[in-house]
């Protein structure tokens, strides 16, 4: 919460702040939908303003988000999307909206199986 409040008080957001947040978040664990949502909310606070200010573009926004998700979750999301769409390329950077949707599905499914 302290990082959130500090960010709101900052006059100018930077890519360095976004990278710092991402690295700090990457040290955490995303075990369920709530964890994924928390990560996204923290990410969005900075990233959305950077996109709006034309400091990063939409593609970079998606890359920053996807890049720091736990690798195991990225693989599970890619596998899920590949099973749904034969044309899906697992090496492509997903739009955040798609990654969140698939991530929630994967995490719900894992929780239903007990882990």
C-alpha atoms as a PDB file:
ATOM      1  CA  UNK A   1       0.000   0.000   0.000  1.00  0.00           C
ATOM      2  CA  UNK A   2       2.903   2.324   0.772  1.00  0.00           C
ATOM      3  CA  UNK A   3       4.260   1.918  -2.777  1.00  0.00           C
ATOM      4  CA  UNK A   4       0.784   2.657  -4.151  1.00  0.00           C
ATOM      5  CA  UNK A   5       0.461   5.886  -2.150  1.00  0.00           C
ATOM      6  CA  UNK A   6       3.989   6.963  -3.029  1.00  0.00           C
ATOM      7  CA  UNK A   7       3.244   6.424  -6.720  1.00  0.00           C
ATOM      8  CA  UNK A   8       0.106   8.528  -6.507  1.00  0.00           C
ATOM      9  CA  UNK A   9       2.111  11.366  -5.017  1.00  0.00           C
ATOM     10  CA  UNK A  10       4.836  11.278  -7.653  1.00  0.00           C
ATOM     11  CA  UNK A  11       4.638  14.064 -10.209  1.00  0.00           C
ATOM     12  CA  UNK A  12       6.196  12.155 -13.071  1.00  0.00           C
ATOM     13  CA  UNK A  13       6.135   8.409 -13.569  1.00  0.00           C
ATOM     14  CA  UNK A  14       9.055   6.732 -15.282  1.00  0.00           C
ATOM     15  CA  UNK A  15       9.881   3.440 -16.927  1.00  0.00           C
ATOM     16  CA  UNK A  16      12.424   2.909 -14.134  1.00  0.00           C
ATOM     17  CA  UNK A  17       9.586   3.023 -11.602  1.00  0.00           C
ATOM     18  CA  UNK A  18       7.654   0.472 -13.644  1.00  0.00           C
ATOM     19  CA  UNK A  19      10.657  -1.841 -13.877  1.00  0.00           C
ATOM     20  CA  UNK A  20      11.279  -1.505 -10.137  1.00  0.00           C
ATOM     21  CA  UNK A  21       7.655  -2.425  -9.397  1.00  0.00           C
ATOM     22  CA  UNK A  22       7.791  -5.366 -11.791  1.00  0.00           C
ATOM     23  CA  UNK A  23      11.014  -6.715 -10.279  1.00  0.00           C
ATOM     24  CA  UNK A  24       9.642  -6.350  -6.753  1.00  0.00           C
ATOM     25  CA  UNK A  25       6.416  -8.090  -7.772  1.00  0.00           C
ATOM     26  CA  UNK A  26       8.291 -10.843  -9.595  1.00  0.00           C
ATOM     27  CA  UNK A  27       9.867 -11.870  -6.301  1.00  0.00           C
ATOM     28  CA  UNK A  28       6.373 -12.638  -5.033  1.00  0.00           C
ATOM     29  CA  UNK A  29       4.257 -15.625  -5.929  1.00  0.00           C
ATOM     30  CA  UNK A  30       1.101 -15.668  -8.018  1.00  0.00           C
ATOM     31  CA  UNK A  31      -0.878 -18.610  -6.688  1.00  0.00           C
ATOM     32  CA  UNK A  32      -4.458 -17.529  -7.288  1.00  0.00           C
ATOM     33  CA  UNK A  33      -6.667 -15.009  -9.046  1.00  0.00           C
ATOM     34  CA  UNK A  34      -6.353 -12.545  -6.191  1.00  0.00           C
ATOM     35  CA  UNK A  35      -2.553 -12.557  -6.500  1.00  0.00           C
ATOM     36  CA  UNK A  36      -2.808 -11.985 -10.255  1.00  0.00           C
ATOM     37  CA  UNK A  37      -5.296  -9.170  -9.748  1.00  0.00           C
ATOM     38  CA  UNK A  38      -3.062  -7.527  -7.125  1.00  0.00           C
ATOM     39  CA  UNK A  39      -0.071  -7.713  -9.453  1.00  0.00           C
ATOM     40  CA  UNK A  40      -2.105  -6.220 -12.308  1.00  0.00           C
ATOM     41  CA  UNK A  41      -3.465  -3.376 -10.166  1.00  0.00           C
ATOM     42  CA  UNK A  42       0.028  -2.365  -9.073  1.00  0.00           C
ATOM     43  CA  UNK A  43       1.279  -2.662 -12.635  1.00  0.00           C
ATOM     44  CA  UNK A  44      -1.630  -0.664 -14.062  1.00  0.00           C
ATOM     45  CA  UNK A  45      -1.144   2.281 -11.705  1.00  0.00           C
ATOM     46  CA  UNK A  46       2.170   3.069 -13.346  1.00  0.00           C
ATOM     47  CA  UNK A  47       1.901   1.514 -16.811  1.00  0.00           C
ATOM     48  CA  UNK A  48      -1.381   3.142 -17.820  1.00  0.00           C
ATOM     49  CA  UNK A  49       0.021   6.591 -17.096  1.00  0.00           C
ATOM     50  CA  UNK A  50       3.184   5.813 -19.066  1.00  0.00           C
ATOM     51  CA  UNK A  51       1.098   4.743 -22.071  1.00  0.00           C
ATOM     52  CA  UNK A  52      -1.086   7.825 -21.783  1.00  0.00           C
ATOM     53  CA  UNK A  53       1.992  10.066 -21.645  1.00  0.00           C
ATOM     54  CA  UNK A  54       3.457   8.287 -24.714  1.00  0.00           C
ATOM     55  CA  UNK A  55       6.484   7.152 -22.726  1.00  0.00           C
ATOM     56  CA  UNK A  56       5.775   3.527 -23.623  1.00  0.00           C
ATOM     57  CA  UNK A  57       3.455   2.185 -26.293  1.00  0.00           C
ATOM     58  CA  UNK A  58       0.726  -0.441 -25.947  1.00  0.00           C
ATOM     59  CA  UNK A  59       3.006  -3.241 -27.152  1.00  0.00           C
ATOM     60  CA  UNK A  60       5.656  -2.315 -24.563  1.00  0.00           C
ATOM     61  CA  UNK A  61       2.913  -2.189 -21.918  1.00  0.00           C
ATOM     62  CA  UNK A  62       1.972  -5.773 -22.778  1.00  0.00           C
ATOM     63  CA  UNK A  63       5.624  -6.870 -22.902  1.00  0.00           C
ATOM     64  CA  UNK A  64       6.404  -5.455 -19.450  1.00  0.00           C
ATOM     65  CA  UNK A  65       3.373  -7.202 -17.976  1.00  0.00           C
ATOM     66  CA  UNK A  66       4.011 -10.563 -19.613  1.00  0.00           C
ATOM     67  CA  UNK A  67       7.776 -10.507 -19.066  1.00  0.00           C
ATOM     68  CA  UNK A  68       7.593 -10.567 -15.295  1.00  0.00           C
ATOM     69  CA  UNK A  69       4.831 -13.087 -14.728  1.00  0.00           C
ATOM     70  CA  UNK A  70       6.209 -16.297 -13.215  1.00  0.00           C
ATOM     71  CA  UNK A  71       7.492 -18.474 -16.035  1.00  0.00           C
ATOM     72  CA  UNK A  72       5.412 -21.456 -14.953  1.00  0.00           C
ATOM     73  CA  UNK A  73       2.243 -19.347 -15.160  1.00  0.00           C
ATOM     74  CA  UNK A  74       3.246 -18.052 -18.604  1.00  0.00           C
ATOM     75  CA  UNK A  75       3.664 -21.624 -19.833  1.00  0.00           C
ATOM     76  CA  UNK A  76       0.287 -22.631 -18.400  1.00  0.00           C
ATOM     77  CA  UNK A  77      -1.393 -19.607 -20.006  1.00  0.00           C
ATOM     78  CA  UNK A  78       0.252 -20.353 -23.361  1.00  0.00           C
ATOM     79  CA  UNK A  79      -0.777 -24.019 -23.164  1.00  0.00           C
ATOM     80  CA  UNK A  80      -4.347 -23.015 -22.361  1.00  0.00           C
ATOM     81  CA  UNK A  81      -4.549 -20.594 -25.291  1.00  0.00           C
ATOM     82  CA  UNK A  82      -2.876 -23.044 -27.643  1.00  0.00           C
ATOM     83  CA  UNK A  83      -5.504 -25.662 -26.745  1.00  0.00           C
ATOM     84  CA  UNK A  84      -8.246 -23.146 -27.592  1.00  0.00           C
ATOM     85  CA  UNK A  85      -6.719 -21.762 -30.795  1.00  0.00           C
ATOM     86  CA  UNK A  86      -4.638 -23.824 -33.208  1.00  0.00           C
ATOM     87  CA  UNK A  87      -3.217 -20.602 -34.701  1.00  0.00           C
ATOM     88  CA  UNK A  88      -1.905 -19.335 -31.359  1.00  0.00           C
ATOM     89  CA  UNK A  89       1.865 -18.830 -31.321  1.00  0.00           C
ATOM     90  CA  UNK A  90       3.286 -19.469 -27.861  1.00  0.00           C
ATOM     91  CA  UNK A  91       6.199 -17.097 -28.449  1.00  0.00           C
ATOM     92  CA  UNK A  92       3.977 -14.065 -29.028  1.00  0.00           C
ATOM     93  CA  UNK A  93       3.477 -11.397 -26.393  1.00  0.00           C
ATOM     94  CA  UNK A  94      -0.109 -11.451 -25.206  1.00  0.00           C
ATOM     95  CA  UNK A  95      -2.287  -8.425 -24.679  1.00  0.00           C
ATOM     96  CA  UNK A  96      -2.687  -7.872 -20.945  1.00  0.00           C
ATOM     97  CA  UNK A  97      -6.456  -8.408 -21.179  1.00  0.00           C
ATOM     98  CA  UNK A  98      -5.970 -11.843 -22.773  1.00  0.00           C
ATOM     99  CA  UNK A  99      -3.195 -12.805 -20.346  1.00  0.00           C
ATOM    100  CA  UNK A 100      -5.361 -11.851 -17.353  1.00  0.00           C
ATOM    101  CA  UNK A 101      -8.375 -13.786 -18.654  1.00  0.00           C
ATOM    102  CA  UNK A 102      -6.391 -16.909 -19.432  1.00  0.00           C
ATOM    103  CA  UNK A 103      -4.380 -16.544 -16.232  1.00  0.00           C
ATOM    104  CA  UNK A 104      -7.534 -16.430 -14.119  1.00  0.00           C
ATOM    105  CA  UNK A 105      -8.844 -19.529 -15.888  1.00  0.00           C
ATOM    106  CA  UNK A 106      -5.577 -21.432 -15.339  1.00  0.00           C
ATOM    107  CA  UNK A 107      -5.381 -20.410 -11.675  1.00  0.00           C
ATOM    108  CA  UNK A 108      -9.044 -21.340 -11.041  1.00  0.00           C
ATOM    109  CA  UNK A 109      -8.480 -24.703 -12.669  1.00  0.00           C
ATOM    110  CA  UNK A 110      -5.360 -25.311 -10.553  1.00  0.00           C
ATOM    111  CA  UNK A 111      -7.224 -24.337  -7.381  1.00  0.00           C
ATOM    112  CA  UNK A 112     -10.055 -26.717  -8.242  1.00  0.00           C
ATOM    113  CA  UNK A 113      -7.498 -29.517  -8.549  1.00  0.00           C
ATOM    114  CA  UNK A 114      -6.018 -28.570  -5.196  1.00  0.00           C
ATOM    115  CA  UNK A 115      -2.899 -26.759  -6.251  1.00  0.00           C
END
